[in-house]
Amino acid sequence: MGCFMNRRLTLSLNSDVVDFAHTFSKKYNKSISKIVENYFIELRKQSTPNLPKYLDELYGVFENVNTPNKKELRKIFHEKNFN
């Protein structure tokens, strides 16, 4: 990923969840911050849909391509088919 500066985040959680977080943190010898950070990293990975390989290769192909809006597309369609 690159080098990013750490920033603070304040969370408000149910006291039972906080107790669990502390227990979990001690059990796995990881800070709560690191556990939360890893969780969000995994969520970010999952936000990309699981596509079949042939579609995955096409994912994002048109990301930087200017596509015409609906009016432009209709105009092009009518010029092509009715002239």
N, C-alpha and C. Protein backbone atom coordinates (compact mmCIF):
# COMPACT_ATOMS: atom_id res chain seq x y z
N MET A 1 0.82 -1.16 0.00
CA MET A 1 0.00 0.00 0.00
C MET A 1 0.87 1.23 0.00
N GLY A 2 1.44 1.87 0.39
CA GLY A 2 2.21 3.05 0.51
C GLY A 2 2.36 3.40 1.98
N CYS A 3 3.08 4.45 2.21
CA CYS A 3 3.31 4.89 3.58
C CYS A 3 2.27 5.95 3.92
N PHE A 4 1.43 5.67 4.87
CA PHE A 4 0.39 6.60 5.28
C PHE A 4 0.58 6.96 6.73
N MET A 5 0.21 8.19 7.07
CA MET A 5 0.30 8.64 8.44
C MET A 5 -0.90 8.11 9.21
N ASN A 6 -0.66 7.61 10.40
CA ASN A 6 -1.76 7.14 11.24
C ASN A 6 -2.58 8.31 11.74
N ARG A 7 -3.89 8.11 11.83
CA ARG A 7 -4.80 9.13 12.35
C ARG A 7 -5.66 8.49 13.43
N ARG A 8 -6.18 9.29 14.30
CA ARG A 8 -7.02 8.80 15.39
C ARG A 8 -8.46 8.67 14.93
N LEU A 9 -9.16 7.70 15.52
CA LEU A 9 -10.58 7.48 15.27
C LEU A 9 -11.21 7.13 16.60
N THR A 10 -12.25 7.84 16.96
CA THR A 10 -12.95 7.56 18.22
C THR A 10 -14.19 6.74 17.91
N LEU A 11 -14.36 5.63 18.62
CA LEU A 11 -15.52 4.77 18.44
C LEU A 11 -16.37 4.77 19.70
N SER A 12 -17.66 4.73 19.52
CA SER A 12 -18.58 4.55 20.65
C SER A 12 -19.21 3.18 20.50
N LEU A 13 -18.94 2.31 21.47
CA LEU A 13 -19.41 0.93 21.39
C LEU A 13 -20.11 0.54 22.67
N ASN A 14 -20.97 -0.42 22.56
CA ASN A 14 -21.65 -1.02 23.70
C ASN A 14 -20.59 -1.55 24.66
N SER A 15 -20.81 -1.41 25.95
CA SER A 15 -19.79 -1.82 26.94
C SER A 15 -19.46 -3.31 26.83
N ASP A 16 -20.43 -4.15 26.47
CA ASP A 16 -20.15 -5.58 26.28
C ASP A 16 -19.17 -5.80 25.12
N VAL A 17 -19.33 -5.01 24.06
CA VAL A 17 -18.45 -5.12 22.91
C VAL A 17 -17.04 -4.65 23.28
N VAL A 18 -16.96 -3.59 24.08
CA VAL A 18 -15.66 -3.09 24.53
C VAL A 18 -14.96 -4.16 25.36
N ASP A 19 -15.70 -4.79 26.28
CA ASP A 19 -15.11 -5.85 27.10
C ASP A 19 -14.62 -7.00 26.22
N PHE A 20 -15.42 -7.37 25.24
CA PHE A 20 -15.02 -8.43 24.33
C PHE A 20 -13.77 -8.02 23.55
N ALA A 21 -13.74 -6.78 23.09
CA ALA A 21 -12.59 -6.30 22.32
C ALA A 21 -11.30 -6.40 23.14
N HIS A 22 -11.38 -6.02 24.40
CA HIS A 22 -10.19 -6.12 25.26
C HIS A 22 -9.76 -7.58 25.46
N THR A 23 -10.73 -8.45 25.70
CA THR A 23 -10.44 -9.87 25.88
C THR A 23 -9.81 -10.45 24.62
N PHE A 24 -10.43 -10.17 23.48
CA PHE A 24 -9.95 -10.66 22.18
C PHE A 24 -8.54 -10.14 21.92
N SER A 25 -8.34 -8.86 22.19
CA SER A 25 -7.05 -8.22 21.98
C SER A 25 -5.95 -8.90 22.78
N LYS A 26 -6.23 -9.18 24.04
CA LYS A 26 -5.23 -9.85 24.89
C LYS A 26 -4.98 -11.28 24.44
N LYS A 27 -6.06 -11.97 24.07
CA LYS A 27 -5.94 -13.37 23.66
C LYS A 27 -5.04 -13.51 22.44
N TYR A 28 -5.18 -12.60 21.47
CA TYR A 28 -4.41 -12.70 20.23
C TYR A 28 -3.20 -11.76 20.20
N ASN A 29 -2.95 -11.11 21.31
CA ASN A 29 -1.79 -10.24 21.46
C ASN A 29 -1.69 -9.20 20.33
N LYS A 30 -2.85 -8.59 20.04
CA LYS A 30 -2.91 -7.53 19.03
C LYS A 30 -3.69 -6.36 19.63
N SER A 31 -3.30 -5.17 19.25
CA SER A 31 -4.02 -4.00 19.75
C SER A 31 -5.41 -3.94 19.12
N ILE A 32 -6.32 -3.31 19.81
CA ILE A 32 -7.68 -3.14 19.27
C ILE A 32 -7.61 -2.31 18.00
N SER A 33 -6.75 -1.32 17.98
CA SER A 33 -6.59 -0.50 16.77
C SER A 33 -6.18 -1.35 15.58
N LYS A 34 -5.24 -2.26 15.78
CA LYS A 34 -4.76 -3.11 14.68
C LYS A 34 -5.87 -4.06 14.24
N ILE A 35 -6.63 -4.59 15.17
CA ILE A 35 -7.74 -5.50 14.83
C ILE A 35 -8.78 -4.75 13.99
N VAL A 36 -9.14 -3.55 14.41
CA VAL A 36 -10.12 -2.76 13.67
C VAL A 36 -9.58 -2.38 12.29
N GLU A 37 -8.31 -1.98 12.24
CA GLU A 37 -7.69 -1.62 10.97
C GLU A 37 -7.71 -2.81 10.01
N ASN A 38 -7.32 -3.99 10.48
CA ASN A 38 -7.33 -5.19 9.64
C ASN A 38 -8.73 -5.54 9.16
N TYR A 39 -9.71 -5.34 10.04
CA TYR A 39 -11.10 -5.61 9.67
C TYR A 39 -11.52 -4.72 8.50
N PHE A 40 -11.21 -3.43 8.59
CA PHE A 40 -11.59 -2.52 7.51
C PHE A 40 -10.81 -2.79 6.23
N ILE A 41 -9.58 -3.22 6.35
CA ILE A 41 -8.80 -3.60 5.16
C ILE A 41 -9.48 -4.76 4.45
N GLU A 42 -9.94 -5.75 5.23
CA GLU A 42 -10.65 -6.90 4.64
C GLU A 42 -11.96 -6.46 4.02
N LEU A 43 -12.68 -5.55 4.66
CA LEU A 43 -13.94 -5.06 4.08
C LEU A 43 -13.68 -4.36 2.75
N ARG A 44 -12.61 -3.59 2.68
CA ARG A 44 -12.29 -2.89 1.44
C ARG A 44 -12.01 -3.88 0.32
N LYS A 45 -11.33 -4.97 0.62
CA LYS A 45 -11.06 -6.01 -0.38
C LYS A 45 -12.36 -6.62 -0.90
N GLN A 46 -13.32 -6.81 0.01
CA GLN A 46 -14.58 -7.46 -0.34
C GLN A 46 -15.52 -6.54 -1.09
N SER A 47 -15.26 -5.23 -1.09
CA SER A 47 -16.17 -4.32 -1.77
C SER A 47 -16.10 -4.46 -3.28
N THR A 48 -15.04 -5.09 -3.79
CA THR A 48 -14.96 -5.42 -5.20
C THR A 48 -15.73 -6.71 -5.41
N PRO A 49 -16.72 -6.67 -6.31
CA PRO A 49 -17.54 -7.87 -6.49
C PRO A 49 -16.73 -9.08 -6.94
N ASN A 50 -17.16 -10.25 -6.51
CA ASN A 50 -16.52 -11.49 -6.97
C ASN A 50 -17.08 -11.83 -8.35
N LEU A 51 -16.34 -11.47 -9.35
CA LEU A 51 -16.78 -11.68 -10.72
C LEU A 51 -16.11 -12.90 -11.31
N PRO A 52 -16.77 -13.55 -12.28
CA PRO A 52 -16.09 -14.61 -13.00
C PRO A 52 -14.83 -14.04 -13.66
N LYS A 53 -13.83 -14.89 -13.87
CA LYS A 53 -12.52 -14.44 -14.39
C LYS A 53 -12.65 -13.61 -15.66
N TYR A 54 -13.51 -14.06 -16.60
CA TYR A 54 -13.62 -13.33 -17.87
C TYR A 54 -14.20 -11.93 -17.67
N LEU A 55 -15.07 -11.76 -16.67
CA LEU A 55 -15.61 -10.43 -16.40
C LEU A 55 -14.64 -9.62 -15.54
N ASP A 56 -13.95 -10.28 -14.65
CA ASP A 56 -13.00 -9.60 -13.79
C ASP A 56 -11.92 -8.91 -14.61
N GLU A 57 -11.54 -9.53 -15.73
CA GLU A 57 -10.52 -8.93 -16.60
C GLU A 57 -11.04 -7.65 -17.25
N LEU A 58 -12.35 -7.53 -17.40
CA LEU A 58 -12.94 -6.34 -18.01
C LEU A 58 -13.26 -5.25 -16.98
N TYR A 59 -13.24 -5.62 -15.71
CA TYR A 59 -13.63 -4.69 -14.64
C TYR A 59 -12.78 -3.43 -14.70
N GLY A 60 -13.43 -2.28 -14.82
CA GLY A 60 -12.73 -1.00 -14.82
C GLY A 60 -12.19 -0.56 -16.17
N VAL A 61 -12.44 -1.32 -17.23
CA VAL A 61 -11.90 -0.99 -18.54
C VAL A 61 -12.36 0.40 -19.00
N PHE A 62 -13.60 0.76 -18.71
CA PHE A 62 -14.14 2.04 -19.17
C PHE A 62 -14.06 3.13 -18.10
N GLU A 63 -13.31 2.90 -17.07
CA GLU A 63 -13.24 3.82 -15.96
C GLU A 63 -12.81 5.23 -16.38
N ASN A 64 -11.83 5.33 -17.25
CA ASN A 64 -11.30 6.63 -17.66
C ASN A 64 -11.74 7.04 -19.06
N VAL A 65 -12.82 6.42 -19.55
CA VAL A 65 -13.30 6.71 -20.90
C VAL A 65 -14.53 7.61 -20.79
N ASN A 66 -14.52 8.70 -21.55
CA ASN A 66 -15.71 9.56 -21.56
C ASN A 66 -16.78 8.89 -22.40
N THR A 67 -17.90 8.58 -21.79
CA THR A 67 -19.00 7.97 -22.52
C THR A 67 -20.08 9.02 -22.72
N PRO A 68 -20.73 9.01 -23.86
CA PRO A 68 -21.77 10.01 -24.12
C PRO A 68 -22.96 9.82 -23.19
N ASN A 69 -23.65 10.92 -22.89
CA ASN A 69 -24.85 10.81 -22.06
C ASN A 69 -26.01 10.30 -22.91
N LYS A 70 -27.18 10.12 -22.30
CA LYS A 70 -28.33 9.52 -23.00
C LYS A 70 -28.73 10.32 -24.23
N LYS A 71 -28.76 11.64 -24.10
CA LYS A 71 -29.17 12.47 -25.25
C LYS A 71 -28.22 12.29 -26.42
N GLU A 72 -26.93 12.26 -26.13
CA GLU A 72 -25.95 12.07 -27.19
C GLU A 72 -26.10 10.69 -27.82
N LEU A 73 -26.33 9.67 -27.00
CA LEU A 73 -26.51 8.31 -27.53
C LEU A 73 -27.74 8.22 -28.42
N ARG A 74 -28.85 8.85 -27.99
CA ARG A 74 -30.06 8.83 -28.81
C ARG A 74 -29.82 9.51 -30.15
N LYS A 75 -29.14 10.66 -30.11
CA LYS A 75 -28.84 11.40 -31.34
C LYS A 75 -28.00 10.54 -32.29
N ILE A 76 -26.97 9.91 -31.77
CA ILE A 76 -26.12 9.05 -32.58
C ILE A 76 -26.93 7.90 -33.16
N PHE A 77 -27.80 7.28 -32.34
CA PHE A 77 -28.63 6.16 -32.78
C PHE A 77 -29.54 6.59 -33.92
N HIS A 78 -30.23 7.72 -33.74
CA HIS A 78 -31.17 8.18 -34.75
C HIS A 78 -30.47 8.61 -36.04
N GLU A 79 -29.32 9.25 -35.91
CA GLU A 79 -28.57 9.65 -37.10
C GLU A 79 -28.11 8.42 -37.88
N LYS A 80 -27.72 7.39 -37.16
CA LYS A 80 -27.20 6.17 -37.79
C LYS A 80 -28.33 5.36 -38.44
N ASN A 81 -29.48 5.29 -37.79
CA ASN A 81 -30.54 4.40 -38.26
C ASN A 81 -31.64 5.05 -39.08
N PHE A 82 -31.77 6.37 -39.02
CA PHE A 82 -32.89 7.00 -39.73
C PHE A 82 -32.43 8.03 -40.76
N ASN A 83 -31.19 8.12 -41.05
CA ASN A 83 -30.70 9.05 -42.09
C ASN A 83 -30.13 8.31 -43.26
